[in-house]
PDB file of N, CA and C in Angstrom:
ATOM      1  N   MET A   1     -46.655 117.368 -63.567  1.00  0.00           N
ATOM      2  CA  MET A   1     -46.590 117.929 -62.236  1.00  0.00           C
ATOM      3  C   MET A   1     -46.263 116.839 -61.223  1.00  0.00           C
ATOM      4  N   LEU A   2     -46.935 115.710 -61.302  1.00  0.00           N
ATOM      5  CA  LEU A   2     -46.689 114.625 -60.368  1.00  0.00           C
ATOM      6  C   LEU A   2     -45.249 114.159 -60.454  1.00  0.00           C
ATOM      7  N   GLY A   3     -44.740 113.998 -61.672  1.00  0.00           N
ATOM      8  CA  GLY A   3     -43.367 113.546 -61.838  1.00  0.00           C
ATOM      9  C   GLY A   3     -42.375 114.489 -61.204  1.00  0.00           C
ATOM     10  N   ALA A   4     -42.555 115.784 -61.377  1.00  0.00           N
ATOM     11  CA  ALA A   4     -41.651 116.757 -60.777  1.00  0.00           C
ATOM     12  C   ALA A   4     -41.748 116.708 -59.259  1.00  0.00           C
ATOM     13  N   SER A   5     -42.956 116.551 -58.732  1.00  0.00           N
ATOM     14  CA  SER A   5     -43.121 116.480 -57.282  1.00  0.00           C
ATOM     15  C   SER A   5     -42.440 115.255 -56.710  1.00  0.00           C
ATOM     16  N   LEU A   6     -42.587 114.124 -57.402  1.00  0.00           N
ATOM     17  CA  LEU A   6     -41.921 112.920 -56.918  1.00  0.00           C
ATOM     18  C   LEU A   6     -40.416 113.055 -57.006  1.00  0.00           C
ATOM     19  N   TRP A   7     -39.936 113.700 -58.074  1.00  0.00           N
ATOM     20  CA  TRP A   7     -38.498 113.912 -58.193  1.00  0.00           C
ATOM     21  C   TRP A   7     -38.010 114.747 -57.024  1.00  0.00           C
ATOM     22  N   LEU A   8     -38.752 115.774 -56.660  1.00  0.00           N
ATOM     23  CA  LEU A   8     -38.350 116.628 -55.546  1.00  0.00           C
ATOM     24  C   LEU A   8     -38.244 115.820 -54.261  1.00  0.00           C
ATOM     25  N   ALA A   9     -39.193 114.938 -54.048  1.00  0.00           N
ATOM     26  CA  ALA A   9     -39.172 114.138 -52.832  1.00  0.00           C
ATOM     27  C   ALA A   9     -38.001 113.174 -52.809  1.00  0.00           C
ATOM     28  N   ALA A  10     -37.597 112.697 -53.965  1.00  0.00           N
ATOM     29  CA  ALA A  10     -36.524 111.710 -54.023  1.00  0.00           C
ATOM     30  C   ALA A  10     -35.163 112.333 -54.294  1.00  0.00           C
ATOM     31  N   ALA A  11     -35.126 113.606 -54.587  1.00  0.00           N
ATOM     32  CA  ALA A  11     -33.861 114.258 -54.940  1.00  0.00           C
ATOM     33  C   ALA A  11     -32.866 114.164 -53.803  1.00  0.00           C
ATOM     34  N   GLY A  12     -31.624 114.177 -54.138  1.00  0.00           N
ATOM     35  CA  GLY A  12     -30.581 114.116 -53.126  1.00  0.00           C
ATOM     36  C   GLY A  12     -30.372 115.448 -52.440  1.00  0.00           C
ATOM     37  N   LEU A  13     -31.440 116.166 -52.169  1.00  0.00           N
ATOM     38  CA  LEU A  13     -31.316 117.478 -51.555  1.00  0.00           C
ATOM     39  C   LEU A  13     -31.783 117.469 -50.104  1.00  0.00           C
ATOM     40  N   ALA A  14     -31.784 116.328 -49.463  1.00  0.00           N
ATOM     41  CA  ALA A  14     -32.184 116.253 -48.062  1.00  0.00           C
ATOM     42  C   ALA A  14     -31.210 117.045 -47.207  1.00  0.00           C
ATOM     43  N   PRO A  15     -31.676 117.574 -46.060  1.00  0.00           N
ATOM     44  CA  PRO A  15     -30.826 118.407 -45.227  1.00  0.00           C
ATOM     45  C   PRO A  15     -29.533 117.735 -44.770  1.00  0.00           C
ATOM     46  N   ALA A  16     -29.530 116.439 -44.655  1.00  0.00           N
ATOM     47  CA  ALA A  16     -28.325 115.731 -44.221  1.00  0.00           C
ATOM     48  C   ALA A  16     -28.401 114.299 -44.728  1.00  0.00           C
ATOM     49  N   GLN A  17     -27.266 113.712 -44.970  1.00  0.00           N
ATOM     50  CA  GLN A  17     -27.245 112.328 -45.425  1.00  0.00           C
ATOM     51  C   GLN A  17     -27.628 111.403 -44.271  1.00  0.00           C
ATOM     52  N   VAL A  18     -28.360 110.357 -44.602  1.00  0.00           N
ATOM     53  CA  VAL A  18     -28.735 109.359 -43.605  1.00  0.00           C
ATOM     54  C   VAL A  18     -28.098 108.037 -43.979  1.00  0.00           C
ATOM     55  N   ARG A  19     -27.834 107.227 -42.980  1.00  0.00           N
ATOM     56  CA  ARG A  19     -27.141 105.974 -43.212  1.00  0.00           C
ATOM     57  C   ARG A  19     -28.069 104.754 -43.157  1.00  0.00           C
ATOM     58  N   ASP A  20     -29.120 104.815 -42.352  1.00  0.00           N
ATOM     59  CA  ASP A  20     -30.031 103.686 -42.224  1.00  0.00           C
ATOM     60  C   ASP A  20     -31.409 104.194 -41.784  1.00  0.00           C
ATOM     61  N   THR A  21     -32.340 103.265 -41.671  1.00  0.00           N
ATOM     62  CA  THR A  21     -33.714 103.631 -41.340  1.00  0.00           C
ATOM     63  C   THR A  21     -33.815 104.306 -39.983  1.00  0.00           C
ATOM     64  N   GLY A  22     -33.076 103.820 -39.007  1.00  0.00           N
ATOM     65  CA  GLY A  22     -33.098 104.442 -37.686  1.00  0.00           C
ATOM     66  C   GLY A  22     -32.628 105.882 -37.737  1.00  0.00           C
ATOM     67  N   ASP A  23     -31.652 106.136 -38.586  1.00  0.00           N
ATOM     68  CA  ASP A  23     -31.160 107.501 -38.775  1.00  0.00           C
ATOM     69  C   ASP A  23     -32.246 108.365 -39.407  1.00  0.00           C
ATOM     70  N   TYR A  24     -32.928 107.830 -40.422  1.00  0.00           N
ATOM     71  CA  TYR A  24     -34.054 108.550 -41.030  1.00  0.00           C
ATOM     72  C   TYR A  24     -35.093 108.904 -39.978  1.00  0.00           C
ATOM     73  N   LEU A  25     -35.481 107.914 -39.198  1.00  0.00           N
ATOM     74  CA  LEU A  25     -36.497 108.131 -38.168  1.00  0.00           C
ATOM     75  C   LEU A  25     -36.046 109.212 -37.196  1.00  0.00           C
ATOM     76  N   ALA A  26     -34.819 109.113 -36.722  1.00  0.00           N
ATOM     77  CA  ALA A  26     -34.320 110.090 -35.756  1.00  0.00           C
ATOM     78  C   ALA A  26     -34.309 111.504 -36.332  1.00  0.00           C
ATOM     79  N   ARG A  27     -33.939 111.653 -37.584  1.00  0.00           N
ATOM     80  CA  ARG A  27     -33.871 112.976 -38.202  1.00  0.00           C
ATOM     81  C   ARG A  27     -35.246 113.534 -38.557  1.00  0.00           C
ATOM     82  N   MET A  28     -36.147 112.676 -39.001  1.00  0.00           N
ATOM     83  CA  MET A  28     -37.475 113.131 -39.408  1.00  0.00           C
ATOM     84  C   MET A  28     -38.394 113.370 -38.215  1.00  0.00           C
ATOM     85  N   ASP A  29     -38.179 112.642 -37.135  1.00  0.00           N
ATOM     86  CA  ASP A  29     -39.043 112.684 -35.949  1.00  0.00           C
ATOM     87  C   ASP A  29     -38.686 113.885 -35.083  1.00  0.00           C
ATOM     88  N   SER A  30     -39.155 115.059 -35.470  1.00  0.00           N
ATOM     89  CA  SER A  30     -38.753 116.290 -34.779  1.00  0.00           C
ATOM     90  C   SER A  30     -39.283 116.395 -33.354  1.00  0.00           C
ATOM     91  N   ASP A  31     -40.377 115.703 -33.024  1.00  0.00           N
ATOM     92  CA  ASP A  31     -40.884 115.776 -31.650  1.00  0.00           C
ATOM     93  C   ASP A  31     -40.380 114.625 -30.782  1.00  0.00           C
ATOM     94  N   GLY A  32     -39.592 113.710 -31.362  1.00  0.00           N
ATOM     95  CA  GLY A  32     -38.953 112.646 -30.602  1.00  0.00           C
ATOM     96  C   GLY A  32     -39.878 111.578 -30.054  1.00  0.00           C
ATOM     97  N   ASN A  33     -41.052 111.392 -30.671  1.00  0.00           N
ATOM     98  CA  ASN A  33     -41.984 110.399 -30.131  1.00  0.00           C
ATOM     99  C   ASN A  33     -41.813 108.998 -30.736  1.00  0.00           C
ATOM    100  N   GLY A  34     -40.806 108.821 -31.581  1.00  0.00           N
ATOM    101  CA  GLY A  34     -40.536 107.509 -32.153  1.00  0.00           C
ATOM    102  C   GLY A  34     -41.324 107.187 -33.406  1.00  0.00           C
ATOM    103  N   ALA A  35     -42.036 108.164 -33.928  1.00  0.00           N
ATOM    104  CA  ALA A  35     -42.811 107.972 -35.157  1.00  0.00           C
ATOM    105  C   ALA A  35     -42.798 109.273 -35.959  1.00  0.00           C
ATOM    106  N   VAL A  36     -43.061 109.162 -37.245  1.00  0.00           N
ATOM    107  CA  VAL A  36     -43.045 110.324 -38.130  1.00  0.00           C
ATOM    108  C   VAL A  36     -44.475 110.657 -38.543  1.00  0.00           C
ATOM    109  N   SER A  37     -44.926 111.850 -38.186  1.00  0.00           N
ATOM    110  CA  SER A  37     -46.260 112.309 -38.571  1.00  0.00           C
ATOM    111  C   SER A  37     -46.232 112.836 -40.001  1.00  0.00           C
ATOM    112  N   LEU A  38     -47.398 113.085 -40.550  1.00  0.00           N
ATOM    113  CA  LEU A  38     -47.483 113.656 -41.895  1.00  0.00           C
ATOM    114  C   LEU A  38     -46.764 114.996 -41.950  1.00  0.00           C
ATOM    115  N   ALA A  39     -46.974 115.842 -40.961  1.00  0.00           N
ATOM    116  CA  ALA A  39     -46.318 117.161 -40.941  1.00  0.00           C
ATOM    117  C   ALA A  39     -44.795 117.022 -40.915  1.00  0.00           C
ATOM    118  N   GLU A  40     -44.283 116.086 -40.112  1.00  0.00           N
ATOM    119  CA  GLU A  40     -42.834 115.869 -40.054  1.00  0.00           C
ATOM    120  C   GLU A  40     -42.314 115.348 -41.395  1.00  0.00           C
ATOM    121  N   TYR A  41     -43.061 114.443 -41.988  1.00  0.00           N
ATOM    122  CA  TYR A  41     -42.691 113.872 -43.287  1.00  0.00           C
ATOM    123  C   TYR A  41     -42.646 114.962 -44.348  1.00  0.00           C
ATOM    124  N   GLN A  42     -43.680 115.796 -44.394  1.00  0.00           N
ATOM    125  CA  GLN A  42     -43.726 116.865 -45.382  1.00  0.00           C
ATOM    126  C   GLN A  42     -42.614 117.879 -45.154  1.00  0.00           C
ATOM    127  N   GLN A  43     -42.326 118.182 -43.908  1.00  0.00           N
ATOM    128  CA  GLN A  43     -41.256 119.143 -43.644  1.00  0.00           C
ATOM    129  C   GLN A  43     -39.915 118.596 -44.120  1.00  0.00           C
ATOM    130  N   TRP A  44     -39.627 117.344 -43.803  1.00  0.00           N
ATOM    131  CA  TRP A  44     -38.358 116.740 -44.206  1.00  0.00           C
ATOM    132  C   TRP A  44     -38.273 116.619 -45.724  1.00  0.00           C
ATOM    133  N   MET A  45     -39.297 116.051 -46.333  1.00  0.00           N
ATOM    134  CA  MET A  45     -39.288 115.813 -47.769  1.00  0.00           C
ATOM    135  C   MET A  45     -39.476 117.100 -48.574  1.00  0.00           C
ATOM    136  N   GLY A  46     -40.023 118.135 -47.964  1.00  0.00           N
ATOM    137  CA  GLY A  46     -40.247 119.408 -48.645  1.00  0.00           C
ATOM    138  C   GLY A  46     -39.006 120.277 -48.740  1.00  0.00           C
ATOM    139  N   TYR A  47     -37.945 119.847 -48.110  1.00  0.00           N
ATOM    140  CA  TYR A  47     -36.712 120.632 -48.111  1.00  0.00           C
ATOM    141  C   TYR A  47     -36.246 120.938 -49.530  1.00  0.00           C
ATOM    142  N   ALA A  48     -36.320 119.961 -50.406  1.00  0.00           N
ATOM    143  CA  ALA A  48     -35.864 120.165 -51.789  1.00  0.00           C
ATOM    144  C   ALA A  48     -36.680 121.254 -52.466  1.00  0.00           C
ATOM    145  N   PHE A  49     -37.980 121.261 -52.225  1.00  0.00           N
ATOM    146  CA  PHE A  49     -38.835 122.286 -52.842  1.00  0.00           C
ATOM    147  C   PHE A  49     -38.374 123.667 -52.392  1.00  0.00           C
ATOM    148  N   GLU A  50     -38.215 123.837 -51.103  1.00  0.00           N
ATOM    149  CA  GLU A  50     -37.825 125.149 -50.569  1.00  0.00           C
ATOM    150  C   GLU A  50     -36.481 125.595 -51.142  1.00  0.00           C
ATOM    151  N   ARG A  51     -35.582 124.676 -51.257  1.00  0.00           N
ATOM    152  CA  ARG A  51     -34.254 125.009 -51.778  1.00  0.00           C
ATOM    153  C   ARG A  51     -34.303 125.382 -53.261  1.00  0.00           C
ATOM    154  N   MET A  52     -35.155 124.701 -54.000  1.00  0.00           N
ATOM    155  CA  MET A  52     -35.245 124.951 -55.439  1.00  0.00           C
ATOM    156  C   MET A  52     -36.050 126.210 -55.762  1.00  0.00           C
ATOM    157  N   ASP A  53     -36.937 126.635 -54.862  1.00  0.00           N
ATOM    158  CA  ASP A  53     -37.780 127.808 -55.092  1.00  0.00           C
ATOM    159  C   ASP A  53     -36.953 129.073 -54.844  1.00  0.00           C
ATOM    160  N   ARG A  54     -36.095 129.366 -55.792  1.00  0.00           N
ATOM    161  CA  ARG A  54     -35.125 130.455 -55.622  1.00  0.00           C
ATOM    162  C   ARG A  54     -35.755 131.815 -55.374  1.00  0.00           C
ATOM    163  N   ASN A  55     -36.898 132.086 -55.985  1.00  0.00           N
ATOM    164  CA  ASN A  55     -37.506 133.402 -55.783  1.00  0.00           C
ATOM    165  C   ASN A  55     -38.511 133.414 -54.629  1.00  0.00           C
ATOM    166  N   GLY A  56     -38.725 132.268 -53.984  1.00  0.00           N
ATOM    167  CA  GLY A  56     -39.563 132.197 -52.789  1.00  0.00           C
ATOM    168  C   GLY A  56     -41.036 132.476 -53.011  1.00  0.00           C
ATOM    169  N   ASP A  57     -41.531 132.264 -54.236  1.00  0.00           N
ATOM    170  CA  ASP A  57     -42.934 132.584 -54.506  1.00  0.00           C
ATOM    171  C   ASP A  57     -43.891 131.414 -54.273  1.00  0.00           C
ATOM    172  N   GLY A  58     -43.378 130.275 -53.793  1.00  0.00           N
ATOM    173  CA  GLY A  58     -44.237 129.133 -53.515  1.00  0.00           C
ATOM    174  C   GLY A  58     -44.574 128.299 -54.725  1.00  0.00           C
ATOM    175  N   THR A  59     -43.966 128.598 -55.847  1.00  0.00           N
ATOM    176  CA  THR A  59     -44.165 127.831 -57.072  1.00  0.00           C
ATOM    177  C   THR A  59     -42.820 127.611 -57.741  1.00  0.00           C
ATOM    178  N   LEU A  60     -42.570 126.371 -58.126  1.00  0.00           N
ATOM    179  CA  LEU A  60     -41.378 126.096 -58.911  1.00  0.00           C
ATOM    180  C   LEU A  60     -41.735 126.331 -60.360  1.00  0.00           C
ATOM    181  N   SER A  61     -41.205 127.379 -60.914  1.00  0.00           N
ATOM    182  CA  SER A  61     -41.429 127.681 -62.323  1.00  0.00           C
ATOM    183  C   SER A  61     -40.524 126.775 -63.145  1.00  0.00           C
ATOM    184  N   PRO A  62     -40.804 126.650 -64.446  1.00  0.00           N
ATOM    185  CA  PRO A  62     -39.986 125.753 -65.266  1.00  0.00           C
ATOM    186  C   PRO A  62     -38.481 125.996 -65.137  1.00  0.00           C
ATOM    187  N   ASP A  63     -38.061 127.245 -65.031  1.00  0.00           N
ATOM    188  CA  ASP A  63     -36.620 127.506 -64.938  1.00  0.00           C
ATOM    189  C   ASP A  63     -36.029 127.075 -63.594  1.00  0.00           C
ATOM    190  N   GLU A  64     -36.874 126.792 -62.594  1.00  0.00           N
ATOM    191  CA  GLU A  64     -36.394 126.313 -61.296  1.00  0.00           C
ATOM    192  C   GLU A  64     -36.406 124.785 -61.216  1.00  0.00           C
ATOM    193  N   LEU A  65     -36.990 124.133 -62.203  1.00  0.00           N
ATOM    194  CA  LEU A  65     -37.069 122.674 -62.234  1.00  0.00           C
ATOM    195  C   LEU A  65     -35.807 122.077 -62.855  1.00  0.00           C
ATOM    196  N   PRO A  66     -35.529 120.815 -62.554  1.00  0.00           N
ATOM    197  CA  PRO A  66     -34.377 120.154 -63.175  1.00  0.00           C
ATOM    198  C   PRO A  66     -34.475 120.228 -64.694  1.00  0.00           C
ATOM    199  N   GLY A  67     -33.418 120.589 -65.330  1.00  0.00           N
ATOM    200  CA  GLY A  67     -33.400 120.714 -66.777  1.00  0.00           C
ATOM    201  C   GLY A  67     -33.998 122.010 -67.285  1.00  0.00           C
ATOM    202  N   GLY A  68     -34.511 122.830 -66.368  1.00  0.00           N
ATOM    203  CA  GLY A  68     -35.059 124.123 -66.755  1.00  0.00           C
ATOM    204  C   GLY A  68     -36.331 124.057 -67.565  1.00  0.00           C
ATOM    205  N   ARG A  69     -37.069 122.957 -67.410  1.00  0.00           N
ATOM    206  CA  ARG A  69     -38.324 122.846 -68.153  1.00  0.00           C
ATOM    207  C   ARG A  69     -39.293 121.946 -67.409  1.00  0.00           C
ATOM    208  N   GLY A  70     -40.519 121.954 -67.873  1.00  0.00           N
ATOM    209  CA  GLY A  70     -41.577 121.168 -67.253  1.00  0.00           C
ATOM    210  C   GLY A  70     -42.695 122.082 -66.791  1.00  0.00           C
ATOM    211  N   ARG A  71     -43.714 121.487 -66.233  1.00  0.00           N
ATOM    212  CA  ARG A  71     -44.844 122.262 -65.721  1.00  0.00           C
ATOM    213  C   ARG A  71     -44.501 122.830 -64.347  1.00  0.00           C
ATOM    214  N   ALA A  72     -45.016 124.014 -64.087  1.00  0.00           N
ATOM    215  CA  ALA A  72     -44.826 124.639 -62.773  1.00  0.00           C
ATOM    216  C   ALA A  72     -45.431 123.739 -61.692  1.00  0.00           C
ATOM    217  N   VAL A  73     -44.808 123.739 -60.522  1.00  0.00           N
ATOM    218  CA  VAL A  73     -45.271 122.943 -59.384  1.00  0.00           C
ATOM    219  C   VAL A  73     -45.470 123.890 -58.208  1.00  0.00           C
ATOM    220  N   THR A  74     -46.688 123.934 -57.678  1.00  0.00           N
ATOM    221  CA  THR A  74     -46.945 124.775 -56.511  1.00  0.00           C
ATOM    222  C   THR A  74     -46.569 124.019 -55.240  1.00  0.00           C
ATOM    223  N   ARG A  75     -46.323 124.764 -54.184  1.00  0.00           N
ATOM    224  CA  ARG A  75     -46.026 124.149 -52.884  1.00  0.00           C
ATOM    225  C   ARG A  75     -47.202 123.270 -52.459  1.00  0.00           C
ATOM    226  N   GLN A  76     -48.433 123.735 -52.669  1.00  0.00           N
ATOM    227  CA  GLN A  76     -49.614 122.961 -52.280  1.00  0.00           C
ATOM    228  C   GLN A  76     -49.684 121.637 -53.039  1.00  0.00           C
ATOM    229  N   ALA A  77     -49.402 121.666 -54.325  1.00  0.00           N
ATOM    230  CA  ALA A  77     -49.413 120.431 -55.116  1.00  0.00           C
ATOM    231  C   ALA A  77     -48.316 119.483 -54.632  1.00  0.00           C
ATOM    232  N   HIS A  78     -47.163 120.038 -54.322  1.00  0.00           N
ATOM    233  CA  HIS A  78     -46.067 119.211 -53.827  1.00  0.00           C
ATOM    234  C   HIS A  78     -46.436 118.574 -52.485  1.00  0.00           C
ATOM    235  N   LEU A  79     -47.034 119.351 -51.583  1.00  0.00           N
ATOM    236  CA  LEU A  79     -47.453 118.816 -50.288  1.00  0.00           C
ATOM    237  C   LEU A  79     -48.512 117.731 -50.462  1.00  0.00           C
ATOM    238  N   ALA A  80     -49.418 117.908 -51.423  1.00  0.00           N
ATOM    239  CA  ALA A  80     -50.443 116.896 -51.683  1.00  0.00           C
ATOM    240  C   ALA A  80     -49.803 115.605 -52.193  1.00  0.00           C
ATOM    241  N   THR A  81     -48.803 115.719 -53.034  1.00  0.00           N
ATOM    242  CA  THR A  81     -48.089 114.536 -53.536  1.00  0.00           C
ATOM    243  C   THR A  81     -47.381 113.822 -52.388  1.00  0.00           C
ATOM    244  N   LEU A  82     -46.771 114.602 -51.514  1.00  0.00           N
ATOM    245  CA  LEU A  82     -46.105 114.003 -50.355  1.00  0.00           C
ATOM    246  C   LEU A  82     -47.117 113.330 -49.432  1.00  0.00           C
ATOM    247  N   ALA A  83     -48.287 113.924 -49.251  1.00  0.00           N
ATOM    248  CA  ALA A  83     -49.321 113.330 -48.397  1.00  0.00           C
ATOM    249  C   ALA A  83     -49.782 111.992 -48.975  1.00  0.00           C
ATOM    250  N   ALA A  84     -49.922 111.921 -50.287  1.00  0.00           N
ATOM    251  CA  ALA A  84     -50.316 110.662 -50.925  1.00  0.00           C
ATOM    252  C   ALA A  84     -49.239 109.597 -50.729  1.00  0.00           C
ATOM    253  N   ALA A  85     -47.979 109.981 -50.863  1.00  0.00           N
ATOM    254  CA  ALA A  85     -46.876 109.038 -50.645  1.00  0.00           C
ATOM    255  C   ALA A  85     -46.857 108.574 -49.188  1.00  0.00           C
ATOM    256  N   PHE A  86     -47.093 109.490 -48.264  1.00  0.00           N
ATOM    257  CA  PHE A  86     -47.136 109.161 -46.840  1.00  0.00           C
ATOM    258  C   PHE A  86     -48.233 108.121 -46.573  1.00  0.00           C
ATOM    259  N   ARG A  87     -49.416 108.352 -47.129  1.00  0.00           N
ATOM    260  CA  ARG A  87     -50.522 107.410 -46.912  1.00  0.00           C
ATOM    261  C   ARG A  87     -50.185 106.024 -47.456  1.00  0.00           C
ATOM    262  N   ARG A  88     -49.487 105.962 -48.581  1.00  0.00           N
ATOM    263  CA  ARG A  88     -49.076 104.659 -49.118  1.00  0.00           C
ATOM    264  C   ARG A  88     -48.058 103.981 -48.206  1.00  0.00           C
ATOM    265  N   GLN A  89     -47.162 104.749 -47.609  1.00  0.00           N
ATOM    266  CA  GLN A  89     -46.151 104.177 -46.711  1.00  0.00           C
ATOM    267  C   GLN A  89     -46.764 103.735 -45.377  1.00  0.00           C
ATOM    268  N   ASP A  90     -47.848 104.391 -44.971  1.00  0.00           N
ATOM    269  CA  ASP A  90     -48.497 104.096 -43.687  1.00  0.00           C
ATOM    270  C   ASP A  90     -49.341 102.833 -43.820  1.00  0.00           C
ATOM    271  N   VAL A  91     -48.666 101.702 -43.905  1.00  0.00           N
ATOM    272  CA  VAL A  91     -49.308 100.420 -44.188  1.00  0.00           C
ATOM    273  C   VAL A  91     -50.360 100.067 -43.145  1.00  0.00           C
ATOM    274  N   ASP A  92     -50.098 100.335 -41.869  1.00  0.00           N
ATOM    275  CA  ASP A  92     -51.066  99.971 -40.838  1.00  0.00           C
ATOM    276  C   ASP A  92     -52.152 101.033 -40.649  1.00  0.00           C
ATOM    277  N   GLY A  93     -52.052 102.148 -41.354  1.00  0.00           N
ATOM    278  CA  GLY A  93     -53.095 103.168 -41.330  1.00  0.00           C
ATOM    279  C   GLY A  93     -53.269 103.908 -40.018  1.00  0.00           C
ATOM    280  N   ASN A  94     -52.216 103.942 -39.190  1.00  0.00           N
ATOM    281  CA  ASN A  94     -52.355 104.605 -37.893  1.00  0.00           C
ATOM    282  C   ASN A  94     -51.988 106.088 -37.922  1.00  0.00           C
ATOM    283  N   GLY A  95     -51.671 106.626 -39.091  1.00  0.00           N
ATOM    284  CA  GLY A  95     -51.413 108.062 -39.217  1.00  0.00           C
ATOM    285  C   GLY A  95     -49.987 108.485 -38.940  1.00  0.00           C
ATOM    286  N   VAL A  96     -49.105 107.545 -38.649  1.00  0.00           N
ATOM    287  CA  VAL A  96     -47.683 107.840 -38.447  1.00  0.00           C
ATOM    288  C   VAL A  96     -46.861 106.736 -39.098  1.00  0.00           C
ATOM    289  N   LEU A  97     -45.608 107.059 -39.399  1.00  0.00           N
ATOM    290  CA  LEU A  97     -44.688 106.068 -39.950  1.00  0.00           C
ATOM    291  C   LEU A  97     -43.703 105.649 -38.875  1.00  0.00           C
ATOM    292  N   ASP A  98     -43.542 104.341 -38.708  1.00  0.00           N
ATOM    293  CA  ASP A  98     -42.524 103.831 -37.796  1.00  0.00           C
ATOM    294  C   ASP A  98     -41.304 103.422 -38.631  1.00  0.00           C
ATOM    295  N   ALA A  99     -40.278 102.947 -37.978  1.00  0.00           N
ATOM    296  CA  ALA A  99     -39.037 102.590 -38.671  1.00  0.00           C
ATOM    297  C   ALA A  99     -39.282 101.522 -39.736  1.00  0.00           C
ATOM    298  N   ARG A 100     -40.144 100.563 -39.448  1.00  0.00           N
ATOM    299  CA  ARG A 100     -40.441  99.495 -40.408  1.00  0.00           C
ATOM    300  C   ARG A 100     -41.083 100.067 -41.667  1.00  0.00           C
ATOM    301  N   GLU A 101     -42.038 100.978 -41.499  1.00  0.00           N
ATOM    302  CA  GLU A 101     -42.710 101.585 -42.656  1.00  0.00           C
ATOM    303  C   GLU A 101     -41.765 102.490 -43.443  1.00  0.00           C
ATOM    304  N   LEU A 102     -40.883 103.192 -42.738  1.00  0.00           N
ATOM    305  CA  LEU A 102     -39.898 104.031 -43.432  1.00  0.00           C
ATOM    306  C   LEU A 102     -38.928 103.179 -44.254  1.00  0.00           C
ATOM    307  N   ALA A 103     -38.639 101.984 -43.781  1.00  0.00           N
ATOM    308  CA  ALA A 103     -37.684 101.109 -44.472  1.00  0.00           C
ATOM    309  C   ALA A 103     -38.309 100.435 -45.693  1.00  0.00           C
ATOM    310  N   ALA A 104     -39.612 100.334 -45.734  1.00  0.00           N
ATOM    311  CA  ALA A 104     -40.285  99.644 -46.835  1.00  0.00           C
ATOM    312  C   ALA A 104     -40.208 100.484 -48.110  1.00  0.00           C
ATOM    313  N   PRO A 105     -40.060  99.827 -49.245  1.00  0.00           N
ATOM    314  CA  PRO A 105     -40.070 100.561 -50.505  1.00  0.00           C
ATOM    315  C   PRO A 105     -41.416 101.257 -50.692  1.00  0.00           C
ATOM    316  N   PRO A 106     -41.429 102.434 -51.303  1.00  0.00           N
ATOM    317  CA  PRO A 106     -42.703 103.127 -51.541  1.00  0.00           C
ATOM    318  C   PRO A 106     -43.637 102.260 -52.375  1.00  0.00           C
ATOM    319  N   GLN A 107     -44.908 102.306 -52.061  1.00  0.00           N
ATOM    320  CA  GLN A 107     -45.937 101.537 -52.774  1.00  0.00           C
ATOM    321  C   GLN A 107     -46.473 102.335 -53.936  1.00  0.00           C
TER     322      GLN A 107
END
């Protein structure tokens, strides 16, 4: 389950291609405050899940996963995986990601 969730977050299914960290920040920062909150991060990174959930039931069944196999992944499990990744990226622990934290490799 974790592997599929991480694949979803890293999949090339983002809403638009980004060129650099500033572009990522600008696209992810929906309220324009110069930082990315957990909700903004989950919304941006969750795009792949929504796109892959063809029947809209909130669970990626094996046939909706890459290769058509694997364990089912619920939206809640995917959001929890994204929250854990967000916390690892939030190096200063202030609850938001700035451009520097977005540019850093995931921990």
